[in-house]
Each structure stands twice: as C-alpha cells, then as structure tokens.
Amino acid sequence: MQLQLISLVLICLHSMEYIDSQHASRIRRHRKLHPGVSHGCQGGCATCSDYNGCLSCKPRLFFFLERDGMRQTGVCLSSCPSGYYGTRSPDINKCTKCKADCDACFNRNFCTKCKAGLYLHMGKCLDVCPDGFEPIGQHMECTAIVHCEVGEWSQWSPCSKRGKTCGFKRGEESRTRETLRIPSASGDTCPATKEKRKCVVQRRQCRKGERKGGGERKRRPNKENKEENRESRQEERDTDNREESENKNKTEHRRRKAQNKQRISTAGSTVQ
C-alpha cells in the first residue's frame, strides 16, 4: 500500500516538471519569433516592444501610430486625436486619418471642421457656400440665409397733435407692426415698422388737464405756456381763415353756376 502511494506521488511530481518545461519551451520559442515583445506593458497596451511601443491594445482602446521624425511608435488611446477618427473591428480598433481638407471628422465622408479657407456644409468642405447659404462663425460653417419677416399692421391710433386728442382740427395718426424674424447678414432687410399719416377731425374744446390717454397735464413754465397758447390761437385763426376762404369759393362757384344756367335759359327763350 505504501509502495503504491509513493509511486503515485512520484508520478505527480514528474508530471508537474514536464508541464513547467513545456511552458518554458513555448516562451523561448515566442521570444525567438518576436524578439523584444512583452506582455507586461503599461499605458493600455496588450503587447508591446521596447523599440516600437504598443503592438496591440486592451479592449475598447484605439491603436495609434505617433510619428517622431522617421520613427513611428504605437500608443493606445481612449479617443483619437484631432484629424483622425476611430474605427472598430473584431481584430483591432485603430485611428484613421481624415481626408486632406478636414481638420476634424466623424468618419471619412463626414467632416466636422475644415482646413483654413474652406467652408463646412453638410459634412463637406467647399470653396464657397452654396446658393441660399452664407458663412457664419469662427468655424466658417455655411448656414441658411434668414430674411426679415414682419407681422400685420395694427389699427390706426386716434388722431392726435402734440400728445393731445382735443383742441385741433388737423393732426396725425400712426400704426405699427412687429418684427417677427431678424434677418441674417445676407438676408433681406426689414421694411418700415411704423407709419404716420395726416388726419382731420372735428375740433372740440379741451377740458382742463385733458391729454392723450387721459393722463394729467404736466405743469410747465409760464413762458412755455404762453408760447403754446399763442401758437394755438394762431393755428385756430389760420384754420378759420382757410375754412372761410373755402366757403367763399364754394358760394362764388354756386353763384356763377346759377348765372350760367340763367343765361342759357334766357338765350333759349329768345331763340323761340
């Protein structure tokens, strides 16, 4: 029984020695085929060499070749540098260079930033923006031209003069409209948003302190009040003179018209 146990122990020890020797032999063969390759790498490398840096990367990292003169060194990055985009495959994740006119890109066919002097439009770099677009911003991106847009006119305001709605016959009324969209640099400018026109109303006497909107009249220096009263009286006289002249002209026109009719009637009777 003891001999059997001793034999079993010797067999186990021999097997372990054989396994260790096979493992050492594999390592020696790998070093002969791949000199300088190490599996104990730093910085995200799965395998590396002293001269070439990273040879492969850990999962989800991108393999990128850094240039130092004529030499290229492999590094493993979480994201690709500017001018490159990341591609993933079952074999390797690597950084691929963007097209020559791109400073940055999402993939080979879609730029996100162009070289100096070019305009970005829908992922492409152009010499000029297409029709209907204009460059804007520091990144020289083409955006749609925006034209001004205004709303409908408001109703005409009450006829007023110098902020009052009484004490005059001829005044002024206004209306406005809102700017709905401000134009871009190349867009059509906005038309007028305020209009004024003359208006005529039946003159009525102002009540004490009456002003446009029902607010109280502010007290002003006597000199200014006298000047305003003098102008108001002169305006009233001018208005009365114009109305009197218009009435005289109308009366004279009716009188002449009646005389002409009478002459025609008398001439007709004489002929008969």
C-alpha atoms as a PDB file:
ATOM      1  CA  MET A   1       0.000   0.000   0.000  1.00  0.00           C
ATOM      2  CA  GLN A   2       2.809   2.361   0.907  1.00  0.00           C
ATOM      3  CA  LEU A   3       4.658   1.493  -2.294  1.00  0.00           C
ATOM      4  CA  GLN A   4       1.577   2.446  -4.315  1.00  0.00           C
ATOM      5  CA  LEU A   5       1.294   5.842  -2.574  1.00  0.00           C
ATOM      6  CA  ILE A   6       4.983   6.559  -3.143  1.00  0.00           C
ATOM      7  CA  SER A   7       4.638   5.625  -6.809  1.00  0.00           C
ATOM      8  CA  LEU A   8       1.611   7.945  -7.192  1.00  0.00           C
ATOM      9  CA  VAL A   9       3.496  10.887  -5.630  1.00  0.00           C
ATOM     10  CA  LEU A  10       6.476  10.338  -7.926  1.00  0.00           C
ATOM     11  CA  ILE A  11       4.208  10.277 -10.976  1.00  0.00           C
ATOM     12  CA  CYS A  12       2.574  13.617  -9.941  1.00  0.00           C
ATOM     13  CA  LEU A  13       5.923  15.313  -9.413  1.00  0.00           C
ATOM     14  CA  HIS A  14       7.149  14.107 -12.800  1.00  0.00           C
ATOM     15  CA  SER A  15       4.021  15.441 -14.493  1.00  0.00           C
ATOM     16  CA  MET A  16       4.433  18.892 -12.938  1.00  0.00           C
ATOM     17  CA  GLU A  17       8.049  19.083 -14.021  1.00  0.00           C
ATOM     18  CA  TYR A  18       7.022  18.140 -17.568  1.00  0.00           C
ATOM     19  CA  ILE A  19       4.341  20.881 -17.698  1.00  0.00           C
ATOM     20  CA  ASP A  20       6.774  23.541 -16.468  1.00  0.00           C
ATOM     21  CA  SER A  21       9.358  22.528 -19.029  1.00  0.00           C
ATOM     22  CA  GLN A  22       6.780  22.730 -21.857  1.00  0.00           C
ATOM     23  CA  HIS A  23       5.699  26.234 -20.752  1.00  0.00           C
ATOM     24  CA  ALA A  24       9.312  27.449 -20.631  1.00  0.00           C
ATOM     25  CA  SER A  25       9.891  25.987 -24.076  1.00  0.00           C
ATOM     26  CA  ARG A  26       6.894  27.880 -25.518  1.00  0.00           C
ATOM     27  CA  ILE A  27       8.141  31.165 -24.031  1.00  0.00           C
ATOM     28  CA  ARG A  28      11.590  30.610 -25.533  1.00  0.00           C
ATOM     29  CA  ARG A  29      10.051  29.884 -28.962  1.00  0.00           C
ATOM     30  CA  HIS A  30       7.855  33.052 -28.772  1.00  0.00           C
ATOM     31  CA  ARG A  31      10.863  35.190 -27.917  1.00  0.00           C
ATOM     32  CA  LYS A  32      12.777  33.785 -30.871  1.00  0.00           C
ATOM     33  CA  LEU A  33       9.880  34.565 -33.246  1.00  0.00           C
ATOM     34  CA  HIS A  34       9.011  38.007 -31.687  1.00  0.00           C
ATOM     35  CA  PRO A  35      12.137  39.498 -30.154  1.00  0.00           C
ATOM     36  CA  GLY A  36      11.515  42.381 -27.729  1.00  0.00           C
ATOM     37  CA  VAL A  37       7.748  41.662 -27.301  1.00  0.00           C
ATOM     38  CA  SER A  38       6.431  41.915 -23.748  1.00  0.00           C
ATOM     39  CA  HIS A  39       3.065  41.125 -22.148  1.00  0.00           C
ATOM     40  CA  GLY A  40       3.729  43.207 -19.033  1.00  0.00           C
ATOM     41  CA  CYS A  41       3.136  46.584 -20.809  1.00  0.00           C
ATOM     42  CA  GLN A  42       1.972  49.921 -19.402  1.00  0.00           C
ATOM     43  CA  GLY A  43      -0.466  52.556 -20.681  1.00  0.00           C
ATOM     44  CA  GLY A  44      -3.232  50.377 -22.115  1.00  0.00           C
ATOM     45  CA  CYS A  45      -1.001  48.171 -24.298  1.00  0.00           C
ATOM     46  CA  ALA A  46      -1.849  44.480 -24.528  1.00  0.00           C
ATOM     47  CA  THR A  47       1.515  43.687 -26.161  1.00  0.00           C
ATOM     48  CA  CYS A  48       4.481  45.969 -26.729  1.00  0.00           C
ATOM     49  CA  SER A  49       8.153  46.167 -27.602  1.00  0.00           C
ATOM     50  CA  ASP A  50      10.954  48.362 -26.353  1.00  0.00           C
ATOM     51  CA  TYR A  51      11.545  49.929 -29.768  1.00  0.00           C
ATOM     52  CA  ASN A  52       8.035  50.122 -31.337  1.00  0.00           C
ATOM     53  CA  GLY A  53       5.934  50.770 -28.216  1.00  0.00           C
ATOM     54  CA  CYS A  54       2.446  49.277 -28.240  1.00  0.00           C
ATOM     55  CA  LEU A  55       1.807  46.486 -30.727  1.00  0.00           C
ATOM     56  CA  SER A  56      -1.798  45.814 -29.683  1.00  0.00           C
ATOM     57  CA  CYS A  57      -4.238  47.448 -27.271  1.00  0.00           C
ATOM     58  CA  LYS A  58      -6.549  46.381 -24.496  1.00  0.00           C
ATOM     59  CA  PRO A  59     -10.285  46.168 -25.333  1.00  0.00           C
ATOM     60  CA  ARG A  60     -12.088  49.428 -26.346  1.00  0.00           C
ATOM     61  CA  LEU A  61      -8.827  51.382 -26.777  1.00  0.00           C
ATOM     62  CA  PHE A  62      -7.684  52.710 -30.171  1.00  0.00           C
ATOM     63  CA  PHE A  63      -4.285  51.898 -31.630  1.00  0.00           C
ATOM     64  CA  PHE A  64      -2.480  54.974 -32.963  1.00  0.00           C
ATOM     65  CA  LEU A  65       0.977  55.440 -34.525  1.00  0.00           C
ATOM     66  CA  GLU A  66       2.765  58.550 -33.282  1.00  0.00           C
ATOM     67  CA  ARG A  67       5.424  59.986 -35.580  1.00  0.00           C
ATOM     68  CA  ASP A  68       8.753  61.219 -34.243  1.00  0.00           C
ATOM     69  CA  GLY A  69      10.789  62.110 -37.309  1.00  0.00           C
ATOM     70  CA  MET A  70      11.247  58.893 -39.273  1.00  0.00           C
ATOM     71  CA  ARG A  71      10.247  56.736 -36.323  1.00  0.00           C
ATOM     72  CA  GLN A  72       6.707  55.560 -35.523  1.00  0.00           C
ATOM     73  CA  THR A  73       5.689  54.472 -32.023  1.00  0.00           C
ATOM     74  CA  GLY A  74       2.421  52.721 -31.198  1.00  0.00           C
ATOM     75  CA  VAL A  75       0.221  54.087 -28.388  1.00  0.00           C
ATOM     76  CA  CYS A  76      -3.223  53.108 -27.108  1.00  0.00           C
ATOM     77  CA  LEU A  77      -5.789  55.923 -26.661  1.00  0.00           C
ATOM     78  CA  SER A  78      -9.341  56.205 -25.339  1.00  0.00           C
ATOM     79  CA  SER A  79     -10.176  58.589 -28.228  1.00  0.00           C
ATOM     80  CA  CYS A  80      -8.407  59.548 -31.434  1.00  0.00           C
ATOM     81  CA  PRO A  81      -6.580  62.894 -31.779  1.00  0.00           C
ATOM     82  CA  SER A  82      -7.753  65.786 -33.982  1.00  0.00           C
ATOM     83  CA  GLY A  83      -7.543  64.956 -37.675  1.00  0.00           C
ATOM     84  CA  TYR A  84      -8.312  61.260 -37.081  1.00  0.00           C
ATOM     85  CA  TYR A  85     -11.432  59.188 -36.457  1.00  0.00           C
ATOM     86  CA  GLY A  86     -11.827  55.834 -34.712  1.00  0.00           C
ATOM     87  CA  THR A  87     -12.820  52.596 -36.425  1.00  0.00           C
ATOM     88  CA  ARG A  88     -13.662  49.378 -34.580  1.00  0.00           C
ATOM     89  CA  SER A  89     -13.356  45.800 -35.805  1.00  0.00           C
ATOM     90  CA  PRO A  90     -13.104  42.346 -34.179  1.00  0.00           C
ATOM     91  CA  ASP A  91      -9.353  42.328 -34.836  1.00  0.00           C
ATOM     92  CA  ILE A  92      -8.274  45.853 -33.891  1.00  0.00           C
ATOM     93  CA  ASN A  93      -9.579  49.303 -33.006  1.00  0.00           C
ATOM     94  CA  LYS A  94      -7.482  51.944 -34.722  1.00  0.00           C
ATOM     95  CA  CYS A  95      -7.311  55.668 -35.531  1.00  0.00           C
ATOM     96  CA  THR A  96      -7.680  56.512 -39.231  1.00  0.00           C
ATOM     97  CA  LYS A  97      -6.657  59.856 -40.758  1.00  0.00           C
ATOM     98  CA  CYS A  98      -9.374  62.249 -42.021  1.00  0.00           C
ATOM     99  CA  LYS A  99      -9.463  63.481 -45.627  1.00  0.00           C
ATOM    100  CA  ALA A 100      -6.870  66.072 -46.631  1.00  0.00           C
ATOM    101  CA  ASP A 101      -9.294  69.051 -46.445  1.00  0.00           C
ATOM    102  CA  CYS A 102     -10.603  68.129 -42.956  1.00  0.00           C
ATOM    103  CA  ASP A 103      -9.175  69.293 -39.642  1.00  0.00           C
ATOM    104  CA  ALA A 104     -11.597  67.013 -37.779  1.00  0.00           C
ATOM    105  CA  CYS A 105     -14.110  64.402 -38.913  1.00  0.00           C
ATOM    106  CA  PHE A 106     -16.733  61.921 -37.723  1.00  0.00           C
ATOM    107  CA  ASN A 107     -15.796  59.405 -40.399  1.00  0.00           C
ATOM    108  CA  ARG A 108     -14.049  59.508 -43.755  1.00  0.00           C
ATOM    109  CA  ASN A 109     -17.082  61.023 -45.532  1.00  0.00           C
ATOM    110  CA  PHE A 110     -18.240  63.500 -42.874  1.00  0.00           C
ATOM    111  CA  CYS A 111     -16.056  66.421 -41.775  1.00  0.00           C
ATOM    112  CA  THR A 112     -16.814  68.409 -38.617  1.00  0.00           C
ATOM    113  CA  LYS A 113     -14.149  71.096 -39.153  1.00  0.00           C
ATOM    114  CA  CYS A 114     -12.397  72.214 -42.337  1.00  0.00           C
ATOM    115  CA  LYS A 115      -8.928  73.429 -43.129  1.00  0.00           C
ATOM    116  CA  ALA A 116      -8.380  77.218 -43.183  1.00  0.00           C
ATOM    117  CA  GLY A 117     -10.040  78.934 -46.165  1.00  0.00           C
ATOM    118  CA  LEU A 118     -12.712  76.248 -46.696  1.00  0.00           C
ATOM    119  CA  TYR A 119     -16.398  76.332 -45.698  1.00  0.00           C
ATOM    120  CA  LEU A 120     -18.149  73.453 -43.915  1.00  0.00           C
ATOM    121  CA  HIS A 121     -21.533  72.437 -45.365  1.00  0.00           C
ATOM    122  CA  MET A 122     -23.325  69.180 -44.510  1.00  0.00           C
ATOM    123  CA  GLY A 123     -20.108  67.349 -43.648  1.00  0.00           C
ATOM    124  CA  LYS A 124     -18.176  68.533 -46.728  1.00  0.00           C
ATOM    125  CA  CYS A 125     -15.521  71.231 -47.166  1.00  0.00           C
ATOM    126  CA  LEU A 126     -16.259  73.693 -50.010  1.00  0.00           C
ATOM    127  CA  ASP A 127     -14.504  76.688 -51.568  1.00  0.00           C
ATOM    128  CA  VAL A 128     -17.710  78.777 -51.310  1.00  0.00           C
ATOM    129  CA  CYS A 129     -21.089  78.287 -49.669  1.00  0.00           C
ATOM    130  CA  PRO A 130     -23.897  77.104 -52.000  1.00  0.00           C
ATOM    131  CA  ASP A 131     -26.778  79.358 -53.073  1.00  0.00           C
ATOM    132  CA  GLY A 132     -29.094  80.277 -50.220  1.00  0.00           C
ATOM    133  CA  PHE A 133     -26.350  79.859 -47.605  1.00  0.00           C
ATOM    134  CA  GLU A 134     -23.791  82.174 -46.006  1.00  0.00           C
ATOM    135  CA  PRO A 135     -20.667  81.617 -43.852  1.00  0.00           C
ATOM    136  CA  ILE A 136     -21.041  82.340 -40.158  1.00  0.00           C
ATOM    137  CA  GLY A 137     -18.989  81.799 -37.017  1.00  0.00           C
ATOM    138  CA  GLN A 138     -15.301  81.150 -36.444  1.00  0.00           C
ATOM    139  CA  HIS A 139     -15.541  77.626 -37.901  1.00  0.00           C
ATOM    140  CA  MET A 140     -16.637  79.002 -41.317  1.00  0.00           C
ATOM    141  CA  GLU A 141     -19.819  76.946 -41.414  1.00  0.00           C
ATOM    142  CA  CYS A 142     -22.443  77.533 -44.108  1.00  0.00           C
ATOM    143  CA  THR A 143     -25.875  78.330 -42.659  1.00  0.00           C
ATOM    144  CA  ALA A 144     -29.154  79.165 -44.378  1.00  0.00           C
ATOM    145  CA  ILE A 145     -29.726  82.849 -45.148  1.00  0.00           C
ATOM    146  CA  VAL A 146     -32.516  84.314 -42.995  1.00  0.00           C
ATOM    147  CA  HIS A 147     -34.753  87.061 -44.448  1.00  0.00           C
ATOM    148  CA  CYS A 148     -36.683  89.575 -42.376  1.00  0.00           C
ATOM    149  CA  GLU A 149     -40.287  88.790 -41.556  1.00  0.00           C
ATOM    150  CA  VAL A 150     -42.826  91.262 -40.161  1.00  0.00           C
ATOM    151  CA  GLY A 151     -46.372  90.890 -38.845  1.00  0.00           C
ATOM    152  CA  GLU A 152     -49.641  92.587 -39.809  1.00  0.00           C
ATOM    153  CA  TRP A 153     -50.230  96.308 -39.309  1.00  0.00           C
ATOM    154  CA  SER A 154     -52.006  97.388 -36.145  1.00  0.00           C
ATOM    155  CA  GLN A 155     -55.098  99.617 -36.202  1.00  0.00           C
ATOM    156  CA  TRP A 156     -54.528 103.333 -36.734  1.00  0.00           C
ATOM    157  CA  SER A 157     -54.108 105.245 -33.489  1.00  0.00           C
ATOM    158  CA  PRO A 158     -56.543 108.043 -32.520  1.00  0.00           C
ATOM    159  CA  CYS A 159     -55.888 111.337 -34.269  1.00  0.00           C
ATOM    160  CA  SER A 160     -53.687 113.485 -32.034  1.00  0.00           C
ATOM    161  CA  LYS A 161     -51.442 116.523 -32.017  1.00  0.00           C
ATOM    162  CA  ARG A 162     -48.569 117.082 -29.602  1.00  0.00           C
ATOM    163  CA  GLY A 163     -49.870 114.276 -27.438  1.00  0.00           C
ATOM    164  CA  LYS A 164     -53.400 115.684 -27.213  1.00  0.00           C
ATOM    165  CA  THR A 165     -56.633 114.494 -28.797  1.00  0.00           C
ATOM    166  CA  CYS A 166     -58.509 117.809 -28.495  1.00  0.00           C
ATOM    167  CA  GLY A 167     -58.134 121.488 -29.402  1.00  0.00           C
ATOM    168  CA  PHE A 168     -57.229 120.935 -33.057  1.00  0.00           C
ATOM    169  CA  LYS A 169     -58.735 120.017 -36.410  1.00  0.00           C
ATOM    170  CA  ARG A 170     -55.740 118.629 -38.313  1.00  0.00           C
ATOM    171  CA  GLY A 171     -53.481 116.114 -36.569  1.00  0.00           C
ATOM    172  CA  GLU A 172     -51.606 112.903 -37.093  1.00  0.00           C
ATOM    173  CA  GLU A 173     -52.287 109.202 -36.578  1.00  0.00           C
ATOM    174  CA  SER A 174     -49.912 106.233 -36.649  1.00  0.00           C
ATOM    175  CA  ARG A 175     -49.785 102.449 -36.779  1.00  0.00           C
ATOM    176  CA  THR A 176     -47.070  99.830 -36.148  1.00  0.00           C
ATOM    177  CA  ARG A 177     -46.209  96.220 -36.908  1.00  0.00           C
ATOM    178  CA  GLU A 178     -43.930  93.741 -35.136  1.00  0.00           C
ATOM    179  CA  THR A 179     -40.656  92.285 -36.440  1.00  0.00           C
ATOM    180  CA  LEU A 180     -41.137  88.505 -36.307  1.00  0.00           C
ATOM    181  CA  ARG A 181     -37.714  87.435 -37.628  1.00  0.00           C
ATOM    182  CA  ILE A 182     -34.448  89.384 -37.644  1.00  0.00           C
ATOM    183  CA  PRO A 183     -32.505  88.952 -40.916  1.00  0.00           C
ATOM    184  CA  SER A 184     -29.014  87.478 -41.134  1.00  0.00           C
ATOM    185  CA  ALA A 185     -26.068  89.391 -42.633  1.00  0.00           C
ATOM    186  CA  SER A 186     -27.010  88.485 -46.241  1.00  0.00           C
ATOM    187  CA  GLY A 187     -30.785  88.409 -45.721  1.00  0.00           C
ATOM    188  CA  ASP A 188     -33.380  90.943 -46.911  1.00  0.00           C
ATOM    189  CA  THR A 189     -33.613  93.944 -44.581  1.00  0.00           C
ATOM    190  CA  CYS A 190     -36.820  94.750 -42.715  1.00  0.00           C
ATOM    191  CA  PRO A 191     -39.363  97.176 -44.196  1.00  0.00           C
ATOM    192  CA  ALA A 192     -40.734 100.069 -42.142  1.00  0.00           C
ATOM    193  CA  THR A 193     -42.446  99.011 -38.928  1.00  0.00           C
ATOM    194  CA  LYS A 194     -44.112 102.382 -38.234  1.00  0.00           C
ATOM    195  CA  GLU A 195     -46.261 104.623 -40.430  1.00  0.00           C
ATOM    196  CA  LYS A 196     -47.788 108.066 -39.935  1.00  0.00           C
ATOM    197  CA  ARG A 197     -50.420 109.994 -41.876  1.00  0.00           C
ATOM    198  CA  LYS A 198     -52.346 113.253 -41.587  1.00  0.00           C
ATOM    199  CA  CYS A 199     -55.851 113.202 -40.201  1.00  0.00           C
ATOM    200  CA  VAL A 200     -58.729 115.678 -39.886  1.00  0.00           C
ATOM    201  CA  VAL A 201     -61.234 115.632 -37.030  1.00  0.00           C
ATOM    202  CA  GLN A 202     -63.980 117.897 -35.731  1.00  0.00           C
ATOM    203  CA  ARG A 203     -62.342 120.323 -33.373  1.00  0.00           C
ATOM    204  CA  ARG A 204     -63.557 120.210 -29.804  1.00  0.00           C
ATOM    205  CA  GLN A 205     -62.588 122.213 -26.764  1.00  0.00           C
ATOM    206  CA  CYS A 206     -60.144 120.549 -24.357  1.00  0.00           C
ATOM    207  CA  ARG A 207     -61.246 120.015 -20.803  1.00  0.00           C
ATOM    208  CA  LYS A 208     -58.874 121.097 -18.084  1.00  0.00           C
ATOM    209  CA  GLY A 209     -55.864 118.772 -17.895  1.00  0.00           C
ATOM    210  CA  GLU A 210     -57.092 116.594 -20.787  1.00  0.00           C
ATOM    211  CA  ARG A 211     -54.334 114.852 -22.707  1.00  0.00           C
ATOM    212  CA  LYS A 212     -53.981 111.776 -24.857  1.00  0.00           C
ATOM    213  CA  GLY A 213     -54.609 108.640 -22.820  1.00  0.00           C
ATOM    214  CA  GLY A 214     -56.410 110.543 -20.036  1.00  0.00           C
ATOM    215  CA  GLY A 215     -53.232 111.455 -18.155  1.00  0.00           C
ATOM    216  CA  GLU A 216     -52.930 114.697 -16.217  1.00  0.00           C
ATOM    217  CA  ARG A 217     -51.304 117.621 -17.934  1.00  0.00           C
ATOM    218  CA  LYS A 218     -47.902 118.450 -16.529  1.00  0.00           C
ATOM    219  CA  ARG A 219     -47.305 121.945 -15.311  1.00  0.00           C
ATOM    220  CA  ARG A 220     -44.788 123.860 -17.374  1.00  0.00           C
ATOM    221  CA  PRO A 221     -43.185 127.285 -17.014  1.00  0.00           C
ATOM    222  CA  ASN A 222     -45.428 130.275 -17.770  1.00  0.00           C
ATOM    223  CA  LYS A 223     -43.271 131.349 -20.700  1.00  0.00           C
ATOM    224  CA  GLU A 224     -43.712 127.967 -22.368  1.00  0.00           C
ATOM    225  CA  ASN A 225     -47.458 128.025 -21.685  1.00  0.00           C
ATOM    226  CA  LYS A 226     -47.789 131.469 -23.238  1.00  0.00           C
ATOM    227  CA  GLU A 227     -45.848 130.384 -26.299  1.00  0.00           C
ATOM    228  CA  GLU A 228     -48.032 127.313 -26.717  1.00  0.00           C
ATOM    229  CA  ASN A 229     -51.235 129.364 -26.290  1.00  0.00           C
ATOM    230  CA  ARG A 230     -50.012 131.902 -28.852  1.00  0.00           C
ATOM    231  CA  GLU A 231     -49.255 129.134 -31.361  1.00  0.00           C
ATOM    232  CA  SER A 232     -52.610 127.500 -30.680  1.00  0.00           C
ATOM    233  CA  ARG A 233     -54.510 130.768 -31.243  1.00  0.00           C
ATOM    234  CA  GLN A 234     -52.575 131.457 -34.438  1.00  0.00           C
ATOM    235  CA  GLU A 235     -53.321 127.966 -35.684  1.00  0.00           C
ATOM    236  CA  GLU A 236     -57.011 128.427 -34.922  1.00  0.00           C
ATOM    237  CA  ARG A 237     -57.048 131.735 -36.814  1.00  0.00           C
ATOM    238  CA  ASP A 238     -55.305 130.148 -39.779  1.00  0.00           C
ATOM    239  CA  THR A 239     -57.787 127.286 -39.760  1.00  0.00           C
ATOM    240  CA  ASP A 240     -60.744 129.693 -39.571  1.00  0.00           C
ATOM    241  CA  ASN A 241     -59.345 131.766 -42.434  1.00  0.00           C
ATOM    242  CA  ARG A 242     -58.901 128.674 -44.581  1.00  0.00           C
ATOM    243  CA  GLU A 243     -62.425 127.482 -43.817  1.00  0.00           C
ATOM    244  CA  GLU A 244     -63.842 130.956 -44.551  1.00  0.00           C
ATOM    245  CA  SER A 245     -61.938 131.122 -47.835  1.00  0.00           C
ATOM    246  CA  GLU A 246     -63.139 127.649 -48.814  1.00  0.00           C
ATOM    247  CA  ASN A 247     -66.745 128.632 -48.014  1.00  0.00           C
ATOM    248  CA  LYS A 248     -66.453 131.836 -50.092  1.00  0.00           C
ATOM    249  CA  ASN A 249     -65.070 129.889 -53.028  1.00  0.00           C
ATOM    250  CA  LYS A 250     -67.916 127.388 -52.834  1.00  0.00           C
ATOM    251  CA  THR A 251     -70.527 130.192 -52.638  1.00  0.00           C
ATOM    252  CA  GLU A 252     -68.964 132.029 -55.577  1.00  0.00           C
ATOM    253  CA  HIS A 253     -68.890 128.799 -57.596  1.00  0.00           C
ATOM    254  CA  ARG A 254     -72.580 128.124 -56.918  1.00  0.00           C
ATOM    255  CA  ARG A 255     -73.478 131.737 -57.849  1.00  0.00           C
ATOM    256  CA  ARG A 256     -71.618 131.565 -61.155  1.00  0.00           C
ATOM    257  CA  LYS A 257     -73.158 128.200 -61.921  1.00  0.00           C
ATOM    258  CA  ALA A 258     -76.638 129.634 -61.318  1.00  0.00           C
ATOM    259  CA  GLN A 259     -75.899 132.667 -63.533  1.00  0.00           C
ATOM    260  CA  ASN A 260     -74.724 130.414 -66.353  1.00  0.00           C
ATOM    261  CA  LYS A 261     -77.907 128.376 -66.141  1.00  0.00           C
ATOM    262  CA  GLN A 262     -79.969 131.579 -66.216  1.00  0.00           C
ATOM    263  CA  ARG A 263     -78.128 132.874 -69.310  1.00  0.00           C
ATOM    264  CA  ILE A 264     -78.648 129.580 -71.115  1.00  0.00           C
ATOM    265  CA  SER A 265     -82.346 129.611 -70.226  1.00  0.00           C
ATOM    266  CA  THR A 266     -82.776 133.254 -71.418  1.00  0.00           C
ATOM    267  CA  ALA A 267     -80.966 132.536 -74.675  1.00  0.00           C
ATOM    268  CA  GLY A 268     -83.217 129.593 -75.345  1.00  0.00           C
ATOM    269  CA  SER A 269     -86.378 131.689 -74.814  1.00  0.00           C
ATOM    270  CA  THR A 270     -85.111 134.412 -77.235  1.00  0.00           C
ATOM    271  CA  VAL A 271     -84.469 131.869 -79.969  1.00  0.00           C
ATOM    272  CA  GLN A 272     -88.007 130.536 -79.686  1.00  0.00           C
END
